[in-house]
Amino acid sequence: MTQFPIIQIAEINKYIVTSDVYQNVFGVAELDACLLENKEEKTDYTSPLRLNGLFIFLILQGEAEISLDYVPYQLSANDFLIVMPSHVLQAGNNSSDFKAIIMMVDKVFAEEMNLQKRSPSMSNYLLVHNNPHMKLSPEETTVVKNGLYLLQDKIRQRTHAFHKELLQNAFVGFLLEMANILIGKQEMLVRPTLSRKEEILNQFLQLLFTHVKEHHAVTFFAENLFITPQYLSLILKELTGKSANKWIDEALMAEAKILLKMPNVTIQQVADQLNFSDQSTFGKFFKKHMGVSPMEYRKS
């Protein structure tokens, strides 16, 4: 598989004139034709690359050229574009009156919200992946624009006691608005046909979210899919960039964090519910991935 440069949100933010960013993992920016502050240090976005997160573009005026997975798109007012980490992006020219709003969501921020568990269907993922560009009505553009400005406002509320949670809830609300618009356009979208590898990924995700509390071994999931553990990891690495063990560990950590937020559940009970042999083993696993012990995480 061809390896493309992977660009982080923090790097992109250096070149954006007007932006509001939360801890370099979530941001809303206003773009125009004079995007760059220092053209001499400009990252070459005209070469194929990948972005380490979800990027949403709403075009307000003007025109711009962009290519996703080598498919060219000519963007203009009321166009909506979703760029996923799996996309190969290549930017082209833009008009002098180009203006847009962009939302940047780092994978860390999205994974912490466990969005994949809320909507694990590979078919839904591929529907968006295969239809990254949509033409919105003026009314839909207003809904999306207002949602982005609301997120921008939440980012600015830095003294709020629950700043992170406030932003997360606003982000979920924005995704619901987008899902509503997407449902209304389903007849115009290209329905994805899953390859055999994509079917395996979809089935793995369903198994993972159902059985991860009881089963932590790759062999369990591979056996239920009637393939070898090595082949399962190869498929997951190819399609998602993460091995089977990585997927299992992240799903376990998501469950652990949820349980640790329940004050009436002891750490021993968390270890039991997640099928660890004892509290010590669970503690070592948690600290390895989180950097702090379960008790320290709970106190924080």
C-alpha atoms as a PDB file:
ATOM      1  CA  MET A   1       0.000   0.000   0.000  1.00  0.00           C
ATOM      2  CA  THR A   2       1.308   3.450  -0.956  1.00  0.00           C
ATOM      3  CA  GLN A   3       2.339   5.501   2.087  1.00  0.00           C
ATOM      4  CA  PHE A   4       1.237   9.151   1.955  1.00  0.00           C
ATOM      5  CA  PRO A   5       2.232  11.928   4.373  1.00  0.00           C
ATOM      6  CA  ILE A   6      -0.170  12.131   7.336  1.00  0.00           C
ATOM      7  CA  ILE A   7      -0.958  15.715   8.366  1.00  0.00           C
ATOM      8  CA  GLN A   8      -1.989  16.572  11.942  1.00  0.00           C
ATOM      9  CA  ILE A   9      -4.531  19.240  12.901  1.00  0.00           C
ATOM     10  CA  ALA A  10      -1.855  21.135  14.842  1.00  0.00           C
ATOM     11  CA  GLU A  11       0.210  21.466  11.659  1.00  0.00           C
ATOM     12  CA  ILE A  12      -2.717  22.683   9.557  1.00  0.00           C
ATOM     13  CA  ASN A  13      -3.718  25.198  12.220  1.00  0.00           C
ATOM     14  CA  LYS A  14      -0.350  26.982  11.877  1.00  0.00           C
ATOM     15  CA  TYR A  15      -1.345  28.179   8.419  1.00  0.00           C
ATOM     16  CA  ILE A  16      -4.969  29.201   9.113  1.00  0.00           C
ATOM     17  CA  VAL A  17      -5.565  32.889   9.708  1.00  0.00           C
ATOM     18  CA  THR A  18      -8.842  32.697  11.676  1.00  0.00           C
ATOM     19  CA  SER A  19      -9.521  29.603  13.776  1.00  0.00           C
ATOM     20  CA  ASP A  20     -10.768  28.406  17.138  1.00  0.00           C
ATOM     21  CA  VAL A  21      -9.158  25.211  18.370  1.00  0.00           C
ATOM     22  CA  TYR A  22      -9.630  23.017  21.420  1.00  0.00           C
ATOM     23  CA  GLN A  23      -6.338  21.391  22.510  1.00  0.00           C
ATOM     24  CA  ASN A  24      -5.274  20.809  18.893  1.00  0.00           C
ATOM     25  CA  VAL A  25      -7.848  17.998  18.576  1.00  0.00           C
ATOM     26  CA  PHE A  26     -10.977  19.918  17.539  1.00  0.00           C
ATOM     27  CA  GLY A  27     -11.290  23.136  15.605  1.00  0.00           C
ATOM     28  CA  VAL A  28     -13.482  25.370  13.471  1.00  0.00           C
ATOM     29  CA  ALA A  29     -11.791  27.718  11.005  1.00  0.00           C
ATOM     30  CA  GLU A  30     -12.861  30.298   8.458  1.00  0.00           C
ATOM     31  CA  LEU A  31     -10.947  30.050   5.205  1.00  0.00           C
ATOM     32  CA  ASP A  32     -10.527  32.443   2.319  1.00  0.00           C
ATOM     33  CA  ALA A  33      -8.223  32.883  -0.631  1.00  0.00           C
ATOM     34  CA  CYS A  34      -5.598  34.447   1.667  1.00  0.00           C
ATOM     35  CA  LEU A  35      -5.396  31.312   3.833  1.00  0.00           C
ATOM     36  CA  LEU A  36      -1.696  31.290   4.562  1.00  0.00           C
ATOM     37  CA  GLU A  37       0.153  33.593   6.931  1.00  0.00           C
ATOM     38  CA  ASN A  38       3.604  32.457   5.800  1.00  0.00           C
ATOM     39  CA  LYS A  39       3.716  31.097   2.270  1.00  0.00           C
ATOM     40  CA  GLU A  40       7.413  30.286   2.503  1.00  0.00           C
ATOM     41  CA  GLU A  41       6.686  27.551   5.075  1.00  0.00           C
ATOM     42  CA  LYS A  42       3.619  26.268   3.292  1.00  0.00           C
ATOM     43  CA  THR A  43       2.939  22.541   3.463  1.00  0.00           C
ATOM     44  CA  ASP A  44       2.517  21.158  -0.035  1.00  0.00           C
ATOM     45  CA  TYR A  45      -1.160  20.187  -0.019  1.00  0.00           C
ATOM     46  CA  THR A  46      -1.072  19.849  -3.805  1.00  0.00           C
ATOM     47  CA  SER A  47       0.705  16.500  -3.369  1.00  0.00           C
ATOM     48  CA  PRO A  48      -1.319  13.418  -2.303  1.00  0.00           C
ATOM     49  CA  LEU A  49      -1.607  13.117   1.493  1.00  0.00           C
ATOM     50  CA  ARG A  50      -3.852  11.909   4.303  1.00  0.00           C
ATOM     51  CA  LEU A  51      -5.335  13.948   7.165  1.00  0.00           C
ATOM     52  CA  ASN A  52      -5.192  12.515  10.682  1.00  0.00           C
ATOM     53  CA  GLY A  53      -8.852  13.099  11.457  1.00  0.00           C
ATOM     54  CA  LEU A  54     -12.260  14.039  10.094  1.00  0.00           C
ATOM     55  CA  PHE A  55     -12.470  17.288   8.091  1.00  0.00           C
ATOM     56  CA  ILE A  56     -15.724  18.922   7.009  1.00  0.00           C
ATOM     57  CA  PHE A  57     -15.796  21.782   4.494  1.00  0.00           C
ATOM     58  CA  LEU A  58     -18.768  24.075   3.854  1.00  0.00           C
ATOM     59  CA  ILE A  59     -18.213  26.322   0.834  1.00  0.00           C
ATOM     60  CA  LEU A  60     -19.731  29.790   1.238  1.00  0.00           C
ATOM     61  CA  GLN A  61     -18.623  31.458  -2.007  1.00  0.00           C
ATOM     62  CA  GLY A  62     -16.148  31.176  -4.858  1.00  0.00           C
ATOM     63  CA  GLU A  63     -14.744  27.971  -6.304  1.00  0.00           C
ATOM     64  CA  ALA A  64     -12.035  25.464  -5.435  1.00  0.00           C
ATOM     65  CA  GLU A  65     -10.639  22.245  -6.880  1.00  0.00           C
ATOM     66  CA  ILE A  66      -9.944  19.191  -4.760  1.00  0.00           C
ATOM     67  CA  SER A  67      -9.321  15.504  -5.394  1.00  0.00           C
ATOM     68  CA  LEU A  68     -10.288  12.647  -3.071  1.00  0.00           C
ATOM     69  CA  ASP A  69      -8.964   9.194  -3.909  1.00  0.00           C
ATOM     70  CA  TYR A  70      -8.008  10.707  -7.274  1.00  0.00           C
ATOM     71  CA  VAL A  71     -11.625  11.664  -8.059  1.00  0.00           C
ATOM     72  CA  PRO A  72     -11.760  15.425  -8.879  1.00  0.00           C
ATOM     73  CA  TYR A  73     -14.399  17.701  -7.358  1.00  0.00           C
ATOM     74  CA  GLN A  74     -15.190  21.278  -8.373  1.00  0.00           C
ATOM     75  CA  LEU A  75     -16.503  22.996  -5.239  1.00  0.00           C
ATOM     76  CA  SER A  76     -18.751  26.068  -5.197  1.00  0.00           C
ATOM     77  CA  ALA A  77     -21.224  27.815  -2.890  1.00  0.00           C
ATOM     78  CA  ASN A  78     -23.474  25.500  -0.824  1.00  0.00           C
ATOM     79  CA  ASP A  79     -21.174  22.516  -1.393  1.00  0.00           C
ATOM     80  CA  PHE A  80     -20.434  20.232   1.531  1.00  0.00           C
ATOM     81  CA  LEU A  81     -17.348  18.004   1.614  1.00  0.00           C
ATOM     82  CA  ILE A  82     -16.362  15.318   4.138  1.00  0.00           C
ATOM     83  CA  VAL A  83     -12.717  14.203   4.175  1.00  0.00           C
ATOM     84  CA  MET A  84     -12.029  11.062   6.217  1.00  0.00           C
ATOM     85  CA  PRO A  85      -8.634   9.774   7.408  1.00  0.00           C
ATOM     86  CA  SER A  86      -8.909   6.974   4.840  1.00  0.00           C
ATOM     87  CA  HIS A  87      -9.172   9.428   1.939  1.00  0.00           C
ATOM     88  CA  VAL A  88      -6.195  10.421  -0.185  1.00  0.00           C
ATOM     89  CA  LEU A  89      -6.459  14.204  -0.501  1.00  0.00           C
ATOM     90  CA  GLN A  90      -4.981  16.473  -3.148  1.00  0.00           C
ATOM     91  CA  ALA A  91      -5.784  20.199  -3.291  1.00  0.00           C
ATOM     92  CA  GLY A  92      -6.005  22.217  -6.502  1.00  0.00           C
ATOM     93  CA  ASN A  93      -6.590  25.841  -7.407  1.00  0.00           C
ATOM     94  CA  ASN A  94      -9.172  28.152  -5.855  1.00  0.00           C
ATOM     95  CA  SER A  95     -10.743  31.419  -6.997  1.00  0.00           C
ATOM     96  CA  SER A  96      -9.742  34.763  -5.466  1.00  0.00           C
ATOM     97  CA  ASP A  97     -13.159  35.135  -3.785  1.00  0.00           C
ATOM     98  CA  PHE A  98     -13.101  31.655  -2.236  1.00  0.00           C
ATOM     99  CA  LYS A  99     -14.543  31.417   1.288  1.00  0.00           C
ATOM    100  CA  ALA A 100     -15.372  28.373   3.377  1.00  0.00           C
ATOM    101  CA  ILE A 101     -15.794  27.079   6.912  1.00  0.00           C
ATOM    102  CA  ILE A 102     -13.874  23.994   7.957  1.00  0.00           C
ATOM    103  CA  MET A 103     -14.336  21.736  10.977  1.00  0.00           C
ATOM    104  CA  MET A 104     -11.341  19.620  12.049  1.00  0.00           C
ATOM    105  CA  VAL A 105     -11.789  16.618  14.356  1.00  0.00           C
ATOM    106  CA  ASP A 106      -8.700  14.685  15.393  1.00  0.00           C
ATOM    107  CA  LYS A 107      -8.992  10.905  15.679  1.00  0.00           C
ATOM    108  CA  VAL A 108      -8.121  11.186  19.389  1.00  0.00           C
ATOM    109  CA  PHE A 109     -11.171  13.387  20.052  1.00  0.00           C
ATOM    110  CA  ALA A 110     -13.500  11.160  18.015  1.00  0.00           C
ATOM    111  CA  GLU A 111     -12.222   7.912  19.516  1.00  0.00           C
ATOM    112  CA  GLU A 112     -12.585   9.240  23.056  1.00  0.00           C
ATOM    113  CA  MET A 113     -16.274   9.855  22.340  1.00  0.00           C
ATOM    114  CA  ASN A 114     -16.500   6.230  21.130  1.00  0.00           C
ATOM    115  CA  LEU A 115     -18.518   7.247  18.073  1.00  0.00           C
ATOM    116  CA  GLN A 116     -17.747   3.956  16.379  1.00  0.00           C
ATOM    117  CA  LYS A 117     -19.678   2.105  19.058  1.00  0.00           C
ATOM    118  CA  ARG A 118     -22.675   4.397  18.642  1.00  0.00           C
ATOM    119  CA  SER A 119     -22.741   3.725  14.900  1.00  0.00           C
ATOM    120  CA  PRO A 120     -20.614   0.666  14.081  1.00  0.00           C
ATOM    121  CA  SER A 121     -22.135  -0.132  10.686  1.00  0.00           C
ATOM    122  CA  MET A 122     -19.521  -0.345   7.972  1.00  0.00           C
ATOM    123  CA  SER A 123     -22.306   0.242   5.426  1.00  0.00           C
ATOM    124  CA  ASN A 124     -23.061   3.676   6.913  1.00  0.00           C
ATOM    125  CA  TYR A 125     -19.362   4.498   7.006  1.00  0.00           C
ATOM    126  CA  LEU A 126     -18.918   3.536   3.367  1.00  0.00           C
ATOM    127  CA  LEU A 127     -22.036   5.440   2.324  1.00  0.00           C
ATOM    128  CA  VAL A 128     -20.391   8.649   3.521  1.00  0.00           C
ATOM    129  CA  HIS A 129     -16.926   7.577   2.328  1.00  0.00           C
ATOM    130  CA  ASN A 130     -18.213   6.926  -1.194  1.00  0.00           C
ATOM    131  CA  ASN A 131     -20.265  10.142  -1.232  1.00  0.00           C
ATOM    132  CA  PRO A 132     -17.954  12.767   0.292  1.00  0.00           C
ATOM    133  CA  HIS A 133     -19.401  15.634  -1.779  1.00  0.00           C
ATOM    134  CA  MET A 134     -22.971  16.944  -1.508  1.00  0.00           C
ATOM    135  CA  LYS A 135     -24.770  19.974  -2.882  1.00  0.00           C
ATOM    136  CA  LEU A 136     -26.901  21.512  -0.115  1.00  0.00           C
ATOM    137  CA  SER A 137     -30.006  23.648  -0.446  1.00  0.00           C
ATOM    138  CA  PRO A 138     -29.751  27.204   0.918  1.00  0.00           C
ATOM    139  CA  GLU A 139     -31.796  26.093   3.937  1.00  0.00           C
ATOM    140  CA  GLU A 140     -29.488  23.129   4.588  1.00  0.00           C
ATOM    141  CA  THR A 141     -26.448  25.376   4.216  1.00  0.00           C
ATOM    142  CA  THR A 142     -27.882  27.646   6.897  1.00  0.00           C
ATOM    143  CA  VAL A 143     -28.389  24.676   9.257  1.00  0.00           C
ATOM    144  CA  VAL A 144     -24.807  23.460   8.740  1.00  0.00           C
ATOM    145  CA  LYS A 145     -23.324  26.957   8.987  1.00  0.00           C
ATOM    146  CA  ASN A 146     -25.207  27.692  12.216  1.00  0.00           C
ATOM    147  CA  GLY A 147     -24.053  24.342  13.617  1.00  0.00           C
ATOM    148  CA  LEU A 148     -20.435  25.156  12.845  1.00  0.00           C
ATOM    149  CA  TYR A 149     -20.706  28.622  14.371  1.00  0.00           C
ATOM    150  CA  LEU A 150     -22.288  27.053  17.478  1.00  0.00           C
ATOM    151  CA  LEU A 151     -19.289  24.714  17.791  1.00  0.00           C
ATOM    152  CA  GLN A 152     -16.992  27.698  17.337  1.00  0.00           C
ATOM    153  CA  ASP A 153     -18.806  29.458  20.183  1.00  0.00           C
ATOM    154  CA  LYS A 154     -18.473  26.388  22.454  1.00  0.00           C
ATOM    155  CA  ILE A 155     -14.721  26.222  21.788  1.00  0.00           C
ATOM    156  CA  ARG A 156     -14.418  29.841  22.919  1.00  0.00           C
ATOM    157  CA  GLN A 157     -16.079  29.119  26.276  1.00  0.00           C
ATOM    158  CA  ARG A 158     -12.734  28.103  27.758  1.00  0.00           C
ATOM    159  CA  THR A 159     -13.625  29.046  31.352  1.00  0.00           C
ATOM    160  CA  HIS A 160     -16.704  26.802  31.391  1.00  0.00           C
ATOM    161  CA  ALA A 161     -16.437  24.212  34.181  1.00  0.00           C
ATOM    162  CA  PHE A 162     -17.469  21.457  31.737  1.00  0.00           C
ATOM    163  CA  HIS A 163     -15.847  22.813  28.601  1.00  0.00           C
ATOM    164  CA  LYS A 164     -14.933  19.459  27.076  1.00  0.00           C
ATOM    165  CA  GLU A 165     -18.341  17.896  27.750  1.00  0.00           C
ATOM    166  CA  LEU A 166     -20.072  21.024  26.418  1.00  0.00           C
ATOM    167  CA  LEU A 167     -18.121  20.751  23.186  1.00  0.00           C
ATOM    168  CA  GLN A 168     -18.703  17.000  22.873  1.00  0.00           C
ATOM    169  CA  ASN A 169     -22.462  17.410  23.250  1.00  0.00           C
ATOM    170  CA  ALA A 170     -22.523  20.188  20.670  1.00  0.00           C
ATOM    171  CA  PHE A 171     -20.528  17.969  18.293  1.00  0.00           C
ATOM    172  CA  VAL A 172     -23.022  15.107  18.702  1.00  0.00           C
ATOM    173  CA  GLY A 173     -25.853  17.555  18.014  1.00  0.00           C
ATOM    174  CA  PHE A 174     -24.088  18.694  14.841  1.00  0.00           C
ATOM    175  CA  LEU A 175     -23.673  15.077  13.687  1.00  0.00           C
ATOM    176  CA  LEU A 176     -27.402  14.462  14.220  1.00  0.00           C
ATOM    177  CA  GLU A 177     -28.232  17.464  12.020  1.00  0.00           C
ATOM    178  CA  MET A 178     -25.861  16.149   9.356  1.00  0.00           C
ATOM    179  CA  ALA A 179     -27.360  12.657   9.584  1.00  0.00           C
ATOM    180  CA  ASN A 180     -30.816  14.157   9.088  1.00  0.00           C
ATOM    181  CA  ILE A 181     -29.645  15.938   5.938  1.00  0.00           C
ATOM    182  CA  LEU A 182     -27.936  12.769   4.702  1.00  0.00           C
ATOM    183  CA  ILE A 183     -31.118  10.708   5.175  1.00  0.00           C
ATOM    184  CA  GLY A 184     -32.990  13.194   3.013  1.00  0.00           C
ATOM    185  CA  LYS A 185     -30.462  12.723   0.212  1.00  0.00           C
ATOM    186  CA  GLN A 186     -30.141   8.927   0.307  1.00  0.00           C
ATOM    187  CA  GLU A 187     -31.877   8.423  -3.030  1.00  0.00           C
ATOM    188  CA  MET A 188     -29.219  10.575  -4.729  1.00  0.00           C
ATOM    189  CA  LEU A 189     -26.267   8.793  -3.112  1.00  0.00           C
ATOM    190  CA  VAL A 190     -24.281   5.899  -4.514  1.00  0.00           C
ATOM    191  CA  ARG A 191     -25.023   2.848  -2.396  1.00  0.00           C
ATOM    192  CA  PRO A 192     -21.799   1.073  -1.364  1.00  0.00           C
ATOM    193  CA  THR A 193     -21.144  -2.521  -2.281  1.00  0.00           C
ATOM    194  CA  LEU A 194     -19.006  -4.190   0.349  1.00  0.00           C
ATOM    195  CA  SER A 195     -16.004  -6.191  -0.721  1.00  0.00           C
ATOM    196  CA  ARG A 196     -15.226  -9.434   1.105  1.00  0.00           C
ATOM    197  CA  LYS A 197     -12.667  -7.623   3.273  1.00  0.00           C
ATOM    198  CA  GLU A 198     -15.144  -4.866   4.120  1.00  0.00           C
ATOM    199  CA  GLU A 199     -17.749  -7.489   5.061  1.00  0.00           C
ATOM    200  CA  ILE A 200     -15.212  -9.052   7.431  1.00  0.00           C
ATOM    201  CA  LEU A 201     -14.505  -5.654   8.980  1.00  0.00           C
ATOM    202  CA  ASN A 202     -18.223  -4.973   9.433  1.00  0.00           C
ATOM    203  CA  GLN A 203     -18.770  -8.391  11.058  1.00  0.00           C
ATOM    204  CA  PHE A 204     -15.714  -7.917  13.268  1.00  0.00           C
ATOM    205  CA  LEU A 205     -17.024  -4.575  14.554  1.00  0.00           C
ATOM    206  CA  GLN A 206     -20.379  -6.119  15.421  1.00  0.00           C
ATOM    207  CA  LEU A 207     -18.667  -8.977  17.271  1.00  0.00           C
ATOM    208  CA  LEU A 208     -16.285  -6.598  19.021  1.00  0.00           C
ATOM    209  CA  PHE A 209     -18.951  -4.294  20.418  1.00  0.00           C
ATOM    210  CA  THR A 210     -21.027  -7.301  21.561  1.00  0.00           C
ATOM    211  CA  HIS A 211     -18.327  -9.515  23.102  1.00  0.00           C
ATOM    212  CA  VAL A 212     -15.306  -7.368  24.019  1.00  0.00           C
ATOM    213  CA  LYS A 213     -16.151  -7.446  27.744  1.00  0.00           C
ATOM    214  CA  GLU A 214     -15.886 -11.222  27.786  1.00  0.00           C
ATOM    215  CA  HIS A 215     -13.308 -11.948  25.088  1.00  0.00           C
ATOM    216  CA  HIS A 216      -9.976 -10.158  24.671  1.00  0.00           C
ATOM    217  CA  ALA A 217      -8.175 -12.572  22.337  1.00  0.00           C
ATOM    218  CA  VAL A 218      -7.948 -12.090  18.575  1.00  0.00           C
ATOM    219  CA  THR A 219      -8.473 -15.836  18.150  1.00  0.00           C
ATOM    220  CA  PHE A 220     -12.073 -15.610  19.438  1.00  0.00           C
ATOM    221  CA  PHE A 221     -13.058 -13.066  16.793  1.00  0.00           C
ATOM    222  CA  ALA A 222     -11.099 -14.786  14.013  1.00  0.00           C
ATOM    223  CA  GLU A 223     -12.704 -18.156  14.775  1.00  0.00           C
ATOM    224  CA  ASN A 224     -16.179 -16.612  14.653  1.00  0.00           C
ATOM    225  CA  LEU A 225     -15.308 -15.134  11.266  1.00  0.00           C
ATOM    226  CA  PHE A 226     -13.799 -18.444  10.061  1.00  0.00           C
ATOM    227  CA  ILE A 227     -10.437 -16.885   9.232  1.00  0.00           C
ATOM    228  CA  THR A 228      -7.010 -16.926  10.847  1.00  0.00           C
ATOM    229  CA  PRO A 229      -5.985 -14.281  13.419  1.00  0.00           C
ATOM    230  CA  GLN A 230      -3.156 -13.225  11.109  1.00  0.00           C
ATOM    231  CA  TYR A 231      -5.523 -12.623   8.188  1.00  0.00           C
ATOM    232  CA  LEU A 232      -7.964 -10.709  10.399  1.00  0.00           C
ATOM    233  CA  SER A 233      -5.218  -8.377  11.602  1.00  0.00           C
ATOM    234  CA  LEU A 234      -3.980  -7.937   8.038  1.00  0.00           C
ATOM    235  CA  ILE A 235      -7.456  -6.877   6.861  1.00  0.00           C
ATOM    236  CA  LEU A 236      -8.009  -4.499   9.776  1.00  0.00           C
ATOM    237  CA  LYS A 237      -4.585  -2.927   9.309  1.00  0.00           C
ATOM    238  CA  GLU A 238      -5.219  -2.449   5.598  1.00  0.00           C
ATOM    239  CA  LEU A 239      -8.716  -0.953   5.945  1.00  0.00           C
ATOM    240  CA  THR A 240      -8.422   0.992   9.205  1.00  0.00           C
ATOM    241  CA  GLY A 241      -4.716   1.371   9.962  1.00  0.00           C
ATOM    242  CA  LYS A 242      -5.149  -0.505  13.263  1.00  0.00           C
ATOM    243  CA  SER A 243      -4.438  -4.146  14.113  1.00  0.00           C
ATOM    244  CA  ALA A 244      -7.005  -6.474  15.714  1.00  0.00           C
ATOM    245  CA  ASN A 245      -5.230  -6.176  19.086  1.00  0.00           C
ATOM    246  CA  LYS A 246      -5.355  -2.388  18.825  1.00  0.00           C
ATOM    247  CA  TRP A 247      -9.087  -2.470  18.118  1.00  0.00           C
ATOM    248  CA  ILE A 248      -9.699  -4.790  21.087  1.00  0.00           C
ATOM    249  CA  ASP A 249      -7.575  -2.713  23.455  1.00  0.00           C
ATOM    250  CA  GLU A 250      -9.303   0.521  22.450  1.00  0.00           C
ATOM    251  CA  ALA A 251     -12.760  -1.020  22.839  1.00  0.00           C
ATOM    252  CA  LEU A 252     -11.804  -2.354  26.279  1.00  0.00           C
ATOM    253  CA  MET A 253     -10.469   1.045  27.317  1.00  0.00           C
ATOM    254  CA  ALA A 254     -13.710   2.702  26.204  1.00  0.00           C
ATOM    255  CA  GLU A 255     -15.722   0.266  28.336  1.00  0.00           C
ATOM    256  CA  ALA A 256     -13.344   0.735  31.285  1.00  0.00           C
ATOM    257  CA  LYS A 257     -13.688   4.520  31.184  1.00  0.00           C
ATOM    258  CA  ILE A 258     -17.475   4.268  31.178  1.00  0.00           C
ATOM    259  CA  LEU A 259     -17.478   1.923  34.182  1.00  0.00           C
ATOM    260  CA  LEU A 260     -14.925   3.994  36.106  1.00  0.00           C
ATOM    261  CA  LYS A 261     -17.208   7.013  35.818  1.00  0.00           C
ATOM    262  CA  MET A 262     -19.815   5.129  37.868  1.00  0.00           C
ATOM    263  CA  PRO A 263     -19.021   5.972  41.519  1.00  0.00           C
ATOM    264  CA  ASN A 264     -20.882   2.982  42.946  1.00  0.00           C
ATOM    265  CA  VAL A 265     -18.837   0.463  40.951  1.00  0.00           C
ATOM    266  CA  THR A 266     -15.558  -0.544  42.585  1.00  0.00           C
ATOM    267  CA  ILE A 267     -12.384  -1.025  40.571  1.00  0.00           C
ATOM    268  CA  GLN A 268     -12.501  -4.730  41.417  1.00  0.00           C
ATOM    269  CA  GLN A 269     -16.017  -4.875  39.954  1.00  0.00           C
ATOM    270  CA  VAL A 270     -14.802  -3.080  36.828  1.00  0.00           C
ATOM    271  CA  ALA A 271     -12.037  -5.676  36.463  1.00  0.00           C
ATOM    272  CA  ASP A 272     -14.594  -8.465  36.921  1.00  0.00           C
ATOM    273  CA  GLN A 273     -17.070  -7.023  34.429  1.00  0.00           C
ATOM    274  CA  LEU A 274     -14.302  -6.710  31.842  1.00  0.00           C
ATOM    275  CA  ASN A 275     -13.197 -10.301  32.497  1.00  0.00           C
ATOM    276  CA  PHE A 276      -9.681  -9.554  33.755  1.00  0.00           C
ATOM    277  CA  SER A 277      -8.123 -12.252  35.930  1.00  0.00           C
ATOM    278  CA  ASP A 278      -7.704  -9.825  38.833  1.00  0.00           C
ATOM    279  CA  GLN A 279      -7.644  -6.125  39.726  1.00  0.00           C
ATOM    280  CA  SER A 280      -3.870  -5.919  39.398  1.00  0.00           C
ATOM    281  CA  THR A 281      -3.915  -7.183  35.807  1.00  0.00           C
ATOM    282  CA  PHE A 282      -6.639  -4.705  34.920  1.00  0.00           C
ATOM    283  CA  GLY A 283      -4.691  -1.883  36.594  1.00  0.00           C
ATOM    284  CA  LYS A 284      -1.554  -2.647  34.587  1.00  0.00           C
ATOM    285  CA  PHE A 285      -3.561  -2.816  31.346  1.00  0.00           C
ATOM    286  CA  PHE A 286      -5.285   0.494  32.071  1.00  0.00           C
ATOM    287  CA  LYS A 287      -2.106   2.332  33.057  1.00  0.00           C
ATOM    288  CA  LYS A 288      -0.280   1.044  29.986  1.00  0.00           C
ATOM    289  CA  HIS A 289      -2.859   2.647  27.699  1.00  0.00           C
ATOM    290  CA  MET A 290      -3.916   5.665  29.757  1.00  0.00           C
ATOM    291  CA  GLY A 291      -0.728   6.601  31.578  1.00  0.00           C
ATOM    292  CA  VAL A 292      -2.478   6.693  34.967  1.00  0.00           C
ATOM    293  CA  SER A 293      -3.977   4.066  37.253  1.00  0.00           C
ATOM    294  CA  PRO A 294      -7.747   3.421  37.325  1.00  0.00           C
ATOM    295  CA  MET A 295      -7.925   5.130  40.731  1.00  0.00           C
ATOM    296  CA  GLU A 296      -6.058   8.204  39.462  1.00  0.00           C
ATOM    297  CA  TYR A 297      -8.317   8.356  36.416  1.00  0.00           C
ATOM    298  CA  ARG A 298     -11.418   8.141  38.606  1.00  0.00           C
ATOM    299  CA  LYS A 299     -10.174  10.942  40.885  1.00  0.00           C
ATOM    300  CA  SER A 300      -9.409  13.192  37.916  1.00  0.00           C
END
